[in-house]
N, C-alpha and C. Protein backbone atom coordinates (compact mmCIF):
# COMPACT_ATOMS: atom_id res chain seq x y z
N UNK A 1 117.80 97.58 89.34
CA UNK A 1 118.04 96.55 90.25
C UNK A 1 117.14 96.73 91.52
N UNK A 2 116.20 95.39 92.01
CA UNK A 2 115.21 95.91 92.78
C UNK A 2 115.61 95.74 94.09
N UNK A 3 115.30 96.26 95.06
CA UNK A 3 115.56 95.98 96.53
C UNK A 3 114.07 95.98 97.46
N UNK A 4 114.72 95.37 98.30
CA UNK A 4 113.46 94.94 99.57
C UNK A 4 113.58 95.35 100.51
N UNK A 5 112.56 95.32 101.85
CA UNK A 5 112.46 95.60 102.53
C UNK A 5 111.19 94.72 103.35
N UNK A 6 111.76 93.91 104.42
CA UNK A 6 110.35 92.84 104.93
C UNK A 6 110.05 93.26 106.12
N UNK A 7 109.04 93.38 106.67
CA UNK A 7 108.38 93.07 107.79
C UNK A 7 107.76 92.20 108.60
N UNK A 8 107.54 92.00 109.57
CA UNK A 8 106.51 90.62 110.53
C UNK A 8 105.91 91.65 110.79
N UNK A 9 104.70 90.62 110.54
CA UNK A 9 103.11 91.25 111.42
C UNK A 9 102.07 90.22 111.67
N UNK A 10 101.43 90.72 112.89
CA UNK A 10 99.77 90.34 112.98
C UNK A 10 100.27 88.90 114.00
N UNK A 11 99.13 88.43 114.42
CA UNK A 11 99.44 87.08 115.19
C UNK A 11 100.36 85.88 114.80
N UNK A 12 100.53 85.90 113.42
CA UNK A 12 100.64 84.61 112.43
C UNK A 12 102.14 85.01 112.23
N UNK A 13 102.82 86.10 112.80
CA UNK A 13 104.18 86.10 112.46
C UNK A 13 104.60 86.25 110.50
N UNK A 14 103.49 86.83 109.88
CA UNK A 14 103.41 86.84 108.57
C UNK A 14 104.62 87.78 107.92
N UNK A 15 105.28 87.40 106.68
CA UNK A 15 106.35 88.72 106.41
C UNK A 15 105.67 89.46 105.05
N UNK A 16 105.51 90.61 105.31
CA UNK A 16 105.17 91.25 104.49
C UNK A 16 106.34 91.94 103.60
N UNK A 17 106.40 92.30 102.42
CA UNK A 17 107.39 92.52 101.26
C UNK A 17 107.15 94.19 100.87
N UNK A 18 107.87 94.96 100.29
CA UNK A 18 107.89 95.91 100.02
C UNK A 18 108.83 95.75 99.18
N UNK A 19 108.53 95.60 97.48
CA UNK A 19 109.88 95.15 96.64
C UNK A 19 109.99 97.19 95.85
N UNK A 20 110.99 97.56 95.75
CA UNK A 20 110.90 99.01 95.11
C UNK A 20 112.33 98.84 94.35
N UNK A 21 112.01 99.66 93.11
CA UNK A 21 113.52 100.14 92.23
C UNK A 21 113.77 101.62 92.75
N UNK A 22 115.03 101.12 93.13
CA UNK A 22 115.81 102.30 93.90
C UNK A 22 115.87 103.94 93.00
N UNK A 23 115.83 103.47 91.95
CA UNK A 23 115.84 104.69 90.77
C UNK A 23 115.08 105.12 90.55
N UNK A 24 113.79 104.79 90.24
CA UNK A 24 112.77 105.39 89.60
C UNK A 24 111.68 105.24 90.94
N UNK A 25 111.65 104.45 92.08
CA UNK A 25 110.89 104.97 93.66
C UNK A 25 109.51 104.21 93.27
N UNK A 26 109.56 103.54 91.96
CA UNK A 26 108.41 102.48 92.34
C UNK A 26 108.30 101.15 93.10
N UNK A 27 106.87 101.18 93.37
CA UNK A 27 107.39 99.79 94.46
C UNK A 27 105.85 99.59 94.34
N UNK A 28 106.23 97.71 94.80
CA UNK A 28 104.55 96.77 95.17
C UNK A 28 105.06 96.34 96.37
N UNK A 29 103.62 96.37 97.22
CA UNK A 29 103.32 95.68 98.57
C UNK A 29 103.36 94.26 98.53
N UNK A 30 103.72 93.53 98.65
CA UNK A 30 103.31 91.74 98.83
C UNK A 30 102.73 91.51 100.20
N UNK A 31 101.79 91.02 99.97
CA UNK A 31 101.43 90.29 100.99
C UNK A 31 100.90 91.25 102.66
N UNK A 32 100.58 92.64 101.91
CA UNK A 32 100.66 93.30 103.54
C UNK A 32 99.67 92.99 104.52
N UNK A 33 100.02 92.12 105.92
CA UNK A 33 99.78 91.84 106.63
C UNK A 33 99.11 92.51 107.91
N UNK A 34 99.59 94.06 108.26
CA UNK A 34 99.50 94.94 109.00
C UNK A 34 98.03 95.01 109.53
N UNK A 35 97.79 94.88 110.84
CA UNK A 35 96.40 94.30 111.13
C UNK A 35 96.18 95.24 112.32
N UNK A 36 97.12 96.35 113.03
CA UNK A 36 97.39 97.27 113.45
C UNK A 36 97.77 98.77 113.65
N UNK A 37 96.83 99.52 113.93
CA UNK A 37 97.27 100.87 113.98
C UNK A 37 99.41 101.17 113.89
N UNK A 38 99.23 100.58 114.48
CA UNK A 38 101.02 100.57 114.47
C UNK A 38 102.05 99.89 113.47
N UNK A 39 101.79 98.97 113.34
CA UNK A 39 102.09 97.94 112.22
C UNK A 39 101.77 98.97 111.14
N UNK A 40 100.69 99.61 110.77
CA UNK A 40 100.32 100.03 109.48
C UNK A 40 101.58 101.51 109.53
N UNK A 41 101.67 101.70 110.46
CA UNK A 41 102.44 103.20 110.60
C UNK A 41 104.08 102.76 110.55
N UNK A 42 104.72 101.27 110.65
CA UNK A 42 105.86 100.94 110.37
C UNK A 42 105.58 100.91 108.71
N UNK A 43 104.73 100.08 108.60
CA UNK A 43 104.70 99.88 106.65
C UNK A 43 104.74 101.34 105.74
N UNK A 44 103.79 102.39 106.50
CA UNK A 44 103.97 103.18 105.75
C UNK A 44 105.56 104.30 105.98
N UNK A 45 105.83 104.58 107.44
CA UNK A 45 106.87 105.26 107.42
C UNK A 45 107.81 104.76 106.64
N UNK A 46 108.28 103.47 106.49
CA UNK A 46 108.81 103.12 105.47
C UNK A 46 108.93 103.69 104.01
N UNK A 47 107.80 103.27 103.53
CA UNK A 47 107.34 103.98 102.27
C UNK A 47 107.54 105.07 102.15
N UNK A 48 106.86 106.15 102.87
CA UNK A 48 107.01 107.27 103.11
C UNK A 48 108.34 107.98 103.01
N UNK A 49 108.81 107.58 104.03
CA UNK A 49 110.39 108.13 104.25
C UNK A 49 111.55 107.73 103.51
N UNK A 50 111.15 106.75 102.40
CA UNK A 50 111.90 106.76 101.29
C UNK A 50 111.46 106.96 99.82
N UNK A 51 110.52 108.32 100.27
CA UNK A 51 109.80 108.43 99.01
C UNK A 51 109.28 107.68 97.96
N UNK A 52 108.68 106.54 98.34
CA UNK A 52 108.38 105.30 97.33
C UNK A 52 106.92 106.00 96.63
N UNK A 53 106.65 104.96 95.36
CA UNK A 53 105.53 105.45 94.90
C UNK A 53 104.69 104.19 94.49
N UNK A 54 104.08 103.84 95.28
CA UNK A 54 103.54 102.35 95.08
C UNK A 54 102.38 102.01 93.60
N UNK A 55 102.53 101.03 93.19
CA UNK A 55 101.71 101.03 91.84
C UNK A 55 100.79 99.78 92.34
N UNK A 56 100.97 99.07 93.35
CA UNK A 56 99.92 97.58 93.64
C UNK A 56 100.35 96.65 95.12
N UNK A 57 99.22 96.38 95.36
CA UNK A 57 99.07 95.42 96.58
C UNK A 57 99.08 94.20 95.74
N UNK A 58 99.69 93.12 96.02
CA UNK A 58 99.76 91.54 95.20
C UNK A 58 99.53 90.61 96.33
N UNK A 59 98.52 90.06 96.40
CA UNK A 59 98.06 88.96 97.55
C UNK A 59 98.76 87.40 96.49
N UNK A 60 99.85 86.58 97.35
CA UNK A 60 99.94 85.65 97.07
C UNK A 60 98.70 84.53 96.99
N UNK A 61 97.96 84.71 97.79
CA UNK A 61 96.97 83.92 98.39
C UNK A 61 96.00 84.83 99.29
N UNK A 62 94.96 84.57 99.44
CA UNK A 62 93.55 84.53 100.12
C UNK A 62 93.72 84.56 101.46
N UNK A 63 94.76 84.12 102.26
CA UNK A 63 94.19 83.59 103.93
C UNK A 63 94.14 85.08 104.71
N UNK A 64 93.50 85.17 105.32
CA UNK A 64 93.84 86.25 106.27
C UNK A 64 94.81 86.51 106.98
N UNK A 65 95.63 86.01 107.18
CA UNK A 65 97.25 86.78 107.62
C UNK A 65 97.81 87.52 106.70
N UNK A 66 97.63 87.25 105.49
CA UNK A 66 98.17 87.66 104.28
C UNK A 66 97.35 89.28 103.79
N UNK A 67 96.49 89.07 103.85
CA UNK A 67 95.58 90.07 103.25
C UNK A 67 94.48 91.13 104.04
N UNK A 68 95.01 91.38 105.41
CA UNK A 68 94.28 92.16 106.37
C UNK A 68 94.90 93.55 106.49
N UNK A 69 95.67 93.75 105.75
CA UNK A 69 96.35 95.17 105.34
C UNK A 69 95.77 95.87 104.29
N UNK A 70 95.04 94.81 103.00
CA UNK A 70 95.13 95.02 101.49
C UNK A 70 93.88 96.64 101.66
N UNK A 71 92.96 96.74 102.56
CA UNK A 71 92.48 98.31 102.95
C UNK A 71 92.88 98.93 103.36
N UNK A 72 93.74 99.45 103.98
CA UNK A 72 94.20 100.07 104.91
C UNK A 72 95.57 100.20 103.67
N UNK A 73 96.31 99.40 102.84
CA UNK A 73 97.21 100.42 101.63
C UNK A 73 96.63 101.13 100.73
N UNK A 74 95.54 100.12 100.58
CA UNK A 74 94.44 100.69 98.89
C UNK A 74 94.46 102.41 99.66
N UNK A 75 93.51 102.18 100.49
CA UNK A 75 92.78 103.96 100.68
C UNK A 75 93.94 104.98 100.95
N UNK A 76 95.51 104.38 101.39
CA UNK A 76 96.61 105.23 101.72
C UNK A 76 96.84 105.77 100.37
N UNK A 77 97.04 104.55 99.42
CA UNK A 77 98.03 105.29 98.28
C UNK A 77 97.29 104.92 97.05
N UNK A 78 95.83 104.87 97.07
CA UNK A 78 94.63 104.64 95.60
C UNK A 78 95.37 103.96 95.05
N UNK A 79 95.79 102.71 95.17
CA UNK A 79 96.06 101.88 94.15
C UNK A 79 95.17 100.41 94.28
N UNK A 80 95.82 99.49 93.41
CA UNK A 80 94.83 98.47 93.61
C UNK A 80 95.32 97.04 93.85
N UNK A 81 94.18 96.34 94.73
CA UNK A 81 94.91 94.98 94.84
C UNK A 81 95.05 93.68 93.64
N UNK A 82 95.65 93.56 93.76
CA UNK A 82 96.19 92.16 92.35
C UNK A 82 96.01 90.78 93.18
N UNK A 83 95.64 89.91 92.48
CA UNK A 83 95.97 88.54 93.35
C UNK A 83 95.39 87.45 92.44
N UNK A 84 95.50 86.26 91.76
CA UNK A 84 95.27 85.18 90.86
C UNK A 84 93.26 85.10 91.32
N UNK A 85 92.75 84.93 89.60
CA UNK A 85 91.37 84.86 89.78
C UNK A 85 90.78 83.88 90.97
N UNK A 86 90.93 82.73 91.27
CA UNK A 86 90.49 81.38 91.53
C UNK A 86 90.98 82.05 93.51
N UNK A 87 91.51 83.30 93.74
CA UNK A 87 91.49 83.36 95.33
C UNK A 87 90.12 83.99 96.01
N UNK A 88 89.46 83.85 94.96
CA UNK A 88 87.87 85.31 95.19
C UNK A 88 87.62 84.27 96.40
N UNK A 89 86.80 82.98 96.30
CA UNK A 89 86.27 81.35 97.20
C UNK A 89 86.97 82.00 98.52
N UNK A 90 88.05 82.53 98.83
CA UNK A 90 88.60 82.60 100.02
C UNK A 90 88.79 83.69 100.33
N UNK A 91 88.85 84.75 100.23
CA UNK A 91 88.27 86.34 100.27
C UNK A 91 87.25 86.07 100.69
N UNK A 92 85.71 85.69 100.18
CA UNK A 92 84.57 85.52 100.75
C UNK A 92 84.35 85.28 101.86
N UNK A 93 85.64 84.87 102.33
CA UNK A 93 85.41 84.01 103.89
C UNK A 93 86.40 85.24 104.82
N UNK A 94 86.68 86.28 104.51
CA UNK A 94 87.53 86.82 105.03
C UNK A 94 86.79 87.36 106.52
N UNK A 95 85.20 87.76 106.59
CA UNK A 95 85.13 87.86 107.75
C UNK A 95 84.49 86.84 108.89
N UNK A 96 84.38 85.85 108.05
CA UNK A 96 84.40 84.84 109.30
C UNK A 96 85.86 83.85 109.75
N UNK A 97 86.92 84.26 108.93
CA UNK A 97 88.22 84.06 109.37
C UNK A 97 88.65 85.11 110.36
N UNK A 98 88.44 86.38 110.35
CA UNK A 98 88.13 87.22 111.12
C UNK A 98 88.01 87.42 112.20
N UNK A 99 86.56 86.86 112.76
CA UNK A 99 85.99 86.76 113.54
C UNK A 99 86.62 85.55 114.27
N UNK A 100 87.01 84.37 113.95
CA UNK A 100 87.54 83.34 114.43
C UNK A 100 88.64 83.35 115.10
N UNK A 101 89.55 84.25 114.51
CA UNK A 101 90.62 84.74 115.22
C UNK A 101 90.62 85.67 115.99
N UNK A 102 89.37 86.61 116.19
CA UNK A 102 89.69 87.64 116.55
C UNK A 102 90.44 88.72 116.36
N UNK A 103 90.32 88.67 115.08
CA UNK A 103 91.27 89.84 114.20
C UNK A 103 89.89 91.04 113.50
N UNK A 104 89.05 91.28 114.95
CA UNK A 104 88.08 92.43 114.60
C UNK A 104 88.41 93.23 113.22
N UNK A 105 89.53 93.93 113.32
CA UNK A 105 89.68 95.14 112.30
C UNK A 105 90.25 94.68 110.82
N UNK A 106 90.34 93.28 111.30
CA UNK A 106 90.23 92.87 109.51
C UNK A 106 89.02 92.21 109.06
N UNK A 107 88.20 92.51 109.52
CA UNK A 107 86.65 91.68 108.92
C UNK A 107 86.79 92.38 107.73
N UNK A 108 86.96 93.42 107.22
CA UNK A 108 86.91 94.21 105.83
C UNK A 108 87.84 94.86 105.58
N UNK A 109 88.37 93.54 104.22
CA UNK A 109 89.36 93.66 103.43
C UNK A 109 88.70 94.16 101.49
N UNK A 110 89.87 94.78 101.52
CA UNK A 110 89.82 95.01 100.07
C UNK A 110 89.82 93.96 98.92
N UNK A 111 88.76 93.81 98.19
CA UNK A 111 88.72 92.69 97.11
C UNK A 111 89.90 92.87 96.07
N UNK A 112 90.69 91.85 95.60
CA UNK A 112 91.45 91.82 94.17
C UNK A 112 90.31 92.93 93.18
N UNK A 113 90.52 93.71 92.56
CA UNK A 113 90.45 94.49 91.31
C UNK A 113 91.24 94.21 89.87
N UNK A 114 92.01 93.43 90.52
CA UNK A 114 93.11 92.91 88.82
C UNK A 114 93.51 91.70 88.91
N UNK A 115 93.43 90.98 88.22
CA UNK A 115 93.61 89.22 87.90
C UNK A 115 95.27 89.03 87.48
N UNK A 116 95.87 87.96 88.37
CA UNK A 116 97.31 87.86 87.76
C UNK A 116 97.24 86.41 87.29
N UNK A 117 97.60 86.01 86.39
CA UNK A 117 97.45 84.98 85.81
C UNK A 117 99.16 84.07 85.71
N UNK A 118 99.09 82.51 85.35
CA UNK A 118 100.57 82.01 85.21
C UNK A 118 100.94 83.05 83.71
N UNK A 119 102.56 83.66 84.12
CA UNK A 119 103.17 84.06 83.28
C UNK A 119 102.84 85.63 83.06
N UNK A 120 102.19 86.35 83.55
CA UNK A 120 101.86 87.63 83.63
C UNK A 120 103.18 88.18 83.95
N UNK A 121 103.70 89.41 83.74
CA UNK A 121 104.71 90.39 84.23
C UNK A 121 104.25 90.96 84.27
N UNK A 122 104.44 91.96 85.72
CA UNK A 122 104.26 93.15 86.62
C UNK A 122 105.55 93.90 86.59
N UNK A 123 106.00 95.02 85.88
CA UNK A 123 106.78 95.81 85.90
C UNK A 123 106.85 97.02 87.14
N UNK A 124 107.84 96.82 87.56
CA UNK A 124 108.49 97.55 88.96
C UNK A 124 109.74 98.53 88.50
N UNK A 125 109.22 99.85 87.95
CA UNK A 125 110.91 100.30 87.76
C UNK A 125 111.48 100.04 86.59
N UNK A 126 112.89 99.48 86.66
CA UNK A 126 113.46 98.62 85.25
C UNK A 126 113.43 97.36 85.71
N UNK A 127 112.99 96.71 86.41
CA UNK A 127 113.11 95.57 86.99
C UNK A 127 111.30 94.84 86.78
N UNK A 128 111.22 93.58 86.64
CA UNK A 128 109.77 92.82 86.35
C UNK A 128 109.95 91.92 87.56
N UNK A 129 108.58 91.12 87.98
CA UNK A 129 108.26 90.04 88.61
C UNK A 129 107.40 89.13 87.30
N UNK A 130 107.88 87.85 87.64
CA UNK A 130 106.91 86.98 86.66
C UNK A 130 106.04 86.30 87.79
N UNK A 131 104.80 85.99 87.45
CA UNK A 131 103.78 85.51 88.16
C UNK A 131 103.79 83.64 87.70
N UNK A 132 104.32 83.43 89.06
CA UNK A 132 104.04 81.96 88.56
C UNK A 132 102.70 81.29 89.35
N UNK A 133 102.28 80.36 89.36
CA UNK A 133 101.00 79.65 89.76
C UNK A 133 101.35 78.40 90.12
N UNK A 134 101.20 78.48 91.63
CA UNK A 134 101.76 77.68 92.48
C UNK A 134 100.95 77.07 93.42
N UNK A 135 99.84 76.41 93.52
CA UNK A 135 98.35 75.77 94.10
C UNK A 135 98.90 74.96 94.83
N UNK A 136 98.30 74.97 95.88
CA UNK A 136 98.29 73.57 96.99
C UNK A 136 97.92 73.80 98.54
N UNK A 137 98.27 75.07 98.73
CA UNK A 137 98.15 75.76 99.92
C UNK A 137 96.73 76.44 100.26
N UNK A 138 96.72 76.97 99.03
CA UNK A 138 95.05 77.87 99.13
C UNK A 138 95.01 77.74 97.71
N UNK A 139 94.08 77.80 97.27
CA UNK A 139 93.48 78.36 95.45
C UNK A 139 93.67 79.49 95.13
N UNK A 140 94.77 79.66 94.16
CA UNK A 140 94.85 80.91 93.21
C UNK A 140 96.11 81.07 94.51
N UNK A 141 96.99 80.63 94.93
CA UNK A 141 98.21 81.01 95.39
C UNK A 141 99.45 80.89 94.21
N UNK A 142 99.74 82.28 94.05
CA UNK A 142 100.76 82.39 92.76
C UNK A 142 102.71 82.73 94.05
N UNK A 143 103.78 82.63 93.12
CA UNK A 143 104.95 83.08 93.23
C UNK A 143 105.54 84.11 92.68
N UNK A 144 106.12 85.08 92.92
CA UNK A 144 106.81 86.19 92.09
C UNK A 144 108.20 86.17 91.72
N UNK A 145 108.45 85.57 90.42
CA UNK A 145 109.90 85.81 90.45
C UNK A 145 110.36 86.79 89.78
N UNK A 146 111.58 87.35 90.58
CA UNK A 146 112.72 88.78 89.76
C UNK A 146 113.86 87.84 89.21
N UNK A 147 113.60 87.38 87.95
CA UNK A 147 114.77 87.18 87.56
C UNK A 147 116.26 87.84 87.78
N UNK A 148 115.69 88.89 87.29
CA UNK A 148 116.84 89.96 87.64
C UNK A 148 117.79 89.51 88.54
N UNK A 149 117.12 89.86 89.67
CA UNK A 149 117.38 90.03 91.49
C UNK A 149 117.71 88.55 91.91
N UNK A 150 116.81 87.65 91.29
CA UNK A 150 117.44 86.27 91.56
C UNK A 150 117.00 85.80 92.73
N UNK A 151 115.19 86.33 92.60
CA UNK A 151 114.31 85.81 94.18
C UNK A 151 113.50 85.58 93.56
N UNK A 152 112.68 85.06 94.74
CA UNK A 152 111.35 84.35 94.38
C UNK A 152 110.78 84.62 95.45
N UNK A 153 109.33 85.22 95.74
CA UNK A 153 108.34 85.33 96.73
C UNK A 153 107.21 84.19 96.90
N UNK A 154 106.83 83.49 97.37
CA UNK A 154 106.49 81.77 97.41
C UNK A 154 105.23 81.85 98.17
N UNK A 155 104.84 83.08 98.74
CA UNK A 155 103.83 82.88 99.96
C UNK A 155 103.87 82.08 100.90
N UNK A 156 102.80 81.42 100.99
CA UNK A 156 102.94 79.98 102.14
C UNK A 156 102.73 78.61 101.25
N UNK A 157 103.99 78.67 100.26
CA UNK A 157 103.95 77.26 98.95
C UNK A 157 104.86 76.93 99.90
N UNK A 158 106.38 77.58 99.62
CA UNK A 158 107.53 76.60 100.15
C UNK A 158 108.16 78.11 101.00
N UNK A 159 109.01 77.36 102.27
CA UNK A 159 109.11 77.87 103.66
C UNK A 159 110.15 77.25 103.26
N UNK A 160 111.50 77.64 104.84
CA UNK A 160 112.86 76.99 104.65
C UNK A 160 112.57 75.59 105.81
N UNK A 161 112.96 74.90 104.61
CA UNK A 161 112.71 73.57 105.36
C UNK A 161 111.47 73.40 105.77
N UNK A 162 110.54 73.32 105.16
CA UNK A 162 108.90 73.24 105.35
C UNK A 162 107.85 73.54 103.86
N UNK A 163 106.59 73.63 104.05
CA UNK A 163 106.34 73.70 102.87
C UNK A 163 104.81 74.52 103.52
N UNK A 164 104.00 74.62 102.80
CA UNK A 164 102.58 75.02 103.21
C UNK A 164 101.46 74.47 103.79
N UNK A 165 100.66 74.33 105.04
CA UNK A 165 99.72 73.31 105.03
C UNK A 165 98.96 73.47 104.26
N UNK A 166 98.26 71.90 104.18
CA UNK A 166 97.34 71.64 103.05
C UNK A 166 95.85 71.09 103.61
N UNK A 167 96.02 71.61 104.71
CA UNK A 167 95.00 70.51 105.71
C UNK A 167 93.31 71.79 105.31
N UNK A 168 93.66 72.90 104.93
CA UNK A 168 92.53 74.23 105.03
C UNK A 168 91.83 73.73 103.67
N UNK A 169 90.65 74.16 103.95
CA UNK A 169 89.92 74.37 102.40
C UNK A 169 90.41 74.77 101.30
N UNK A 170 90.23 74.03 100.01
CA UNK A 170 90.99 74.15 99.14
C UNK A 170 92.96 73.89 99.03
N UNK A 171 93.02 73.32 99.85
CA UNK A 171 94.79 73.04 100.09
C UNK A 171 94.88 71.50 99.74
N UNK A 172 95.80 70.87 98.69
CA UNK A 172 95.98 69.67 98.14
C UNK A 172 97.86 69.89 98.51
N UNK A 173 97.89 68.47 99.12
CA UNK A 173 99.49 68.18 99.22
C UNK A 173 100.22 67.86 97.50
N UNK A 174 99.15 66.81 96.85
CA UNK A 174 100.22 66.51 95.69
C UNK A 174 100.26 67.28 95.02
N UNK A 175 99.31 68.46 95.03
CA UNK A 175 98.83 69.99 94.53
C UNK A 175 100.51 70.58 94.18
N UNK A 176 100.44 71.04 95.33
CA UNK A 176 101.62 71.46 96.11
C UNK A 176 102.84 71.34 95.85
N UNK A 177 103.18 69.68 96.49
CA UNK A 177 104.11 69.38 95.92
C UNK A 177 104.68 69.35 94.78
N UNK A 178 103.67 69.44 93.57
CA UNK A 178 103.84 69.15 92.08
C UNK A 178 104.38 71.20 91.69
N UNK A 179 103.55 71.66 92.65
CA UNK A 179 104.30 73.24 92.31
C UNK A 179 105.55 73.28 92.83
N UNK A 180 105.69 72.66 93.55
CA UNK A 180 106.95 73.08 94.20
C UNK A 180 108.13 72.39 93.32
N UNK A 181 107.88 70.66 92.64
CA UNK A 181 109.14 70.51 92.20
C UNK A 181 109.16 70.88 90.58
N UNK A 182 107.97 71.13 90.47
CA UNK A 182 107.48 71.67 88.56
C UNK A 182 107.91 72.99 87.83
N UNK A 183 107.72 73.70 89.51
CA UNK A 183 107.66 75.44 89.52
C UNK A 183 108.67 75.89 89.84
N UNK A 184 108.83 75.58 90.96
CA UNK A 184 109.67 76.43 91.67
C UNK A 184 111.20 75.48 91.69
N UNK A 185 111.10 74.25 91.60
CA UNK A 185 112.27 73.86 91.47
C UNK A 185 112.90 73.77 90.31
N UNK A 186 112.55 74.72 89.31
CA UNK A 186 113.10 74.69 87.92
C UNK A 186 113.83 75.88 87.66
N UNK A 187 113.91 76.75 89.07
CA UNK A 187 113.93 78.06 89.42
C UNK A 187 115.59 77.67 88.81
N UNK A 188 116.63 78.63 88.84
CA UNK A 188 118.17 78.55 89.11
C UNK A 188 118.39 78.30 90.71
N UNK A 189 119.55 77.35 91.04
CA UNK A 189 119.94 76.69 92.34
C UNK A 189 120.07 78.11 93.44
N UNK A 190 120.28 79.31 92.90
CA UNK A 190 121.15 80.33 93.68
C UNK A 190 119.53 81.25 94.08
N UNK A 191 118.44 81.06 93.23
CA UNK A 191 117.65 82.03 93.72
C UNK A 191 117.36 81.76 95.09
N UNK A 192 117.11 83.06 95.56
CA UNK A 192 116.68 83.44 96.98
C UNK A 192 114.97 83.12 97.38
N UNK A 193 115.05 82.60 98.48
CA UNK A 193 113.69 82.15 98.52
C UNK A 193 112.79 83.03 100.00
N UNK A 194 112.00 83.99 99.81
CA UNK A 194 111.59 84.60 100.55
C UNK A 194 109.78 84.42 100.56
N UNK A 195 109.87 83.59 102.34
CA UNK A 195 108.85 83.25 102.32
C UNK A 195 107.52 83.55 102.85
N UNK A 196 106.42 83.51 102.82
CA UNK A 196 104.99 84.35 103.59
C UNK A 196 105.67 83.90 105.52
N UNK A 197 106.30 83.63 106.13
CA UNK A 197 106.67 83.46 107.06
C UNK A 197 108.53 82.69 107.06
N UNK A 198 108.79 82.72 108.04
CA UNK A 198 110.25 82.41 108.30
C UNK A 198 111.31 83.04 107.38
N UNK A 199 112.01 82.85 108.07
CA UNK A 199 113.67 83.17 107.45
C UNK A 199 113.43 82.27 105.85
N UNK A 200 114.63 83.85 105.77
CA UNK A 200 114.68 83.22 103.58
C UNK A 200 115.63 82.12 103.77
N UNK A 201 116.06 81.43 102.26
CA UNK A 201 116.66 80.48 101.52
C UNK A 201 116.56 80.20 100.55
N UNK A 202 117.22 79.20 100.09
CA UNK A 202 117.30 79.21 98.23
C UNK A 202 116.72 78.07 97.86
N UNK A 203 116.75 77.94 96.39
CA UNK A 203 115.86 76.54 95.42
C UNK A 203 117.18 75.70 95.86
N UNK A 204 118.29 75.97 96.01
CA UNK A 204 119.85 74.70 96.30
C UNK A 204 119.20 74.06 97.65
N UNK A 205 119.02 74.78 98.78
CA UNK A 205 118.97 73.78 99.75
C UNK A 205 117.45 73.45 100.11
N UNK A 206 116.65 74.19 99.80
CA UNK A 206 115.50 73.44 99.49
C UNK A 206 115.48 72.43 98.65
N UNK A 207 116.09 72.22 97.44
CA UNK A 207 115.88 70.39 96.79
C UNK A 207 116.79 69.95 97.40
N UNK A 208 117.87 70.05 98.44
CA UNK A 208 118.31 69.25 99.42
C UNK A 208 117.72 68.71 100.48
N UNK A 209 117.52 69.40 101.13
CA UNK A 209 117.40 69.48 102.55
C UNK A 209 116.01 69.84 103.07
N UNK A 210 114.54 69.66 102.41
CA UNK A 210 113.56 70.08 102.55
C UNK A 210 112.65 68.61 102.37
N UNK A 211 112.59 67.90 103.80
CA UNK A 211 112.15 66.51 104.26
C UNK A 211 110.69 66.58 103.52
N UNK A 212 110.04 67.42 103.55
CA UNK A 212 108.66 67.37 103.22
C UNK A 212 108.01 67.37 101.47
N UNK A 213 109.29 67.71 100.57
CA UNK A 213 108.96 67.15 99.28
C UNK A 213 109.22 66.16 99.10
N UNK A 214 110.46 65.49 98.98
CA UNK A 214 110.74 64.26 98.67
C UNK A 214 111.20 63.57 96.77
């Protein structure tokens, strides 16, 4: 069974997740948003103190608040960054995004070296994460489903009582609504939802109480 640890990083209060197998110590880092030395030390301190073995950085999408720590994590553990092929357009605007928000340390960011497509399986110790394409908030947005544990990591597609904004380049409300209703809402009701911002929720609660989906 997998375990997880979450961190809240950068001015956007982004959720970074370390998902790990307690037996094998294998782990993946989902959306490392650490943008300062202090935040990097928090992330690295947890990984190192638990003797974890990082396998991969996974980007749910290519917005700056979710990828600004990619370079630091990649260099420290000599691992690859993985994302859907369609995120490359947003990665190409990283420097522009960083300068716009004054995040100068994030201007250089490790680009994805491994493609993740719908249905791909990522092995983490004795468990797996399944890639589910959930575009609409951004091009190439993916979610990651841990069936055994009953978890789904949704990036900025689905939040507790909310959804990702669709007014940025590559956003599309109808596409996002379809992603949520036809992909995420088909998961079991008791699936725990871990989003890119905010508190966890469940598929059951969002089906019934999320006013933005309808």
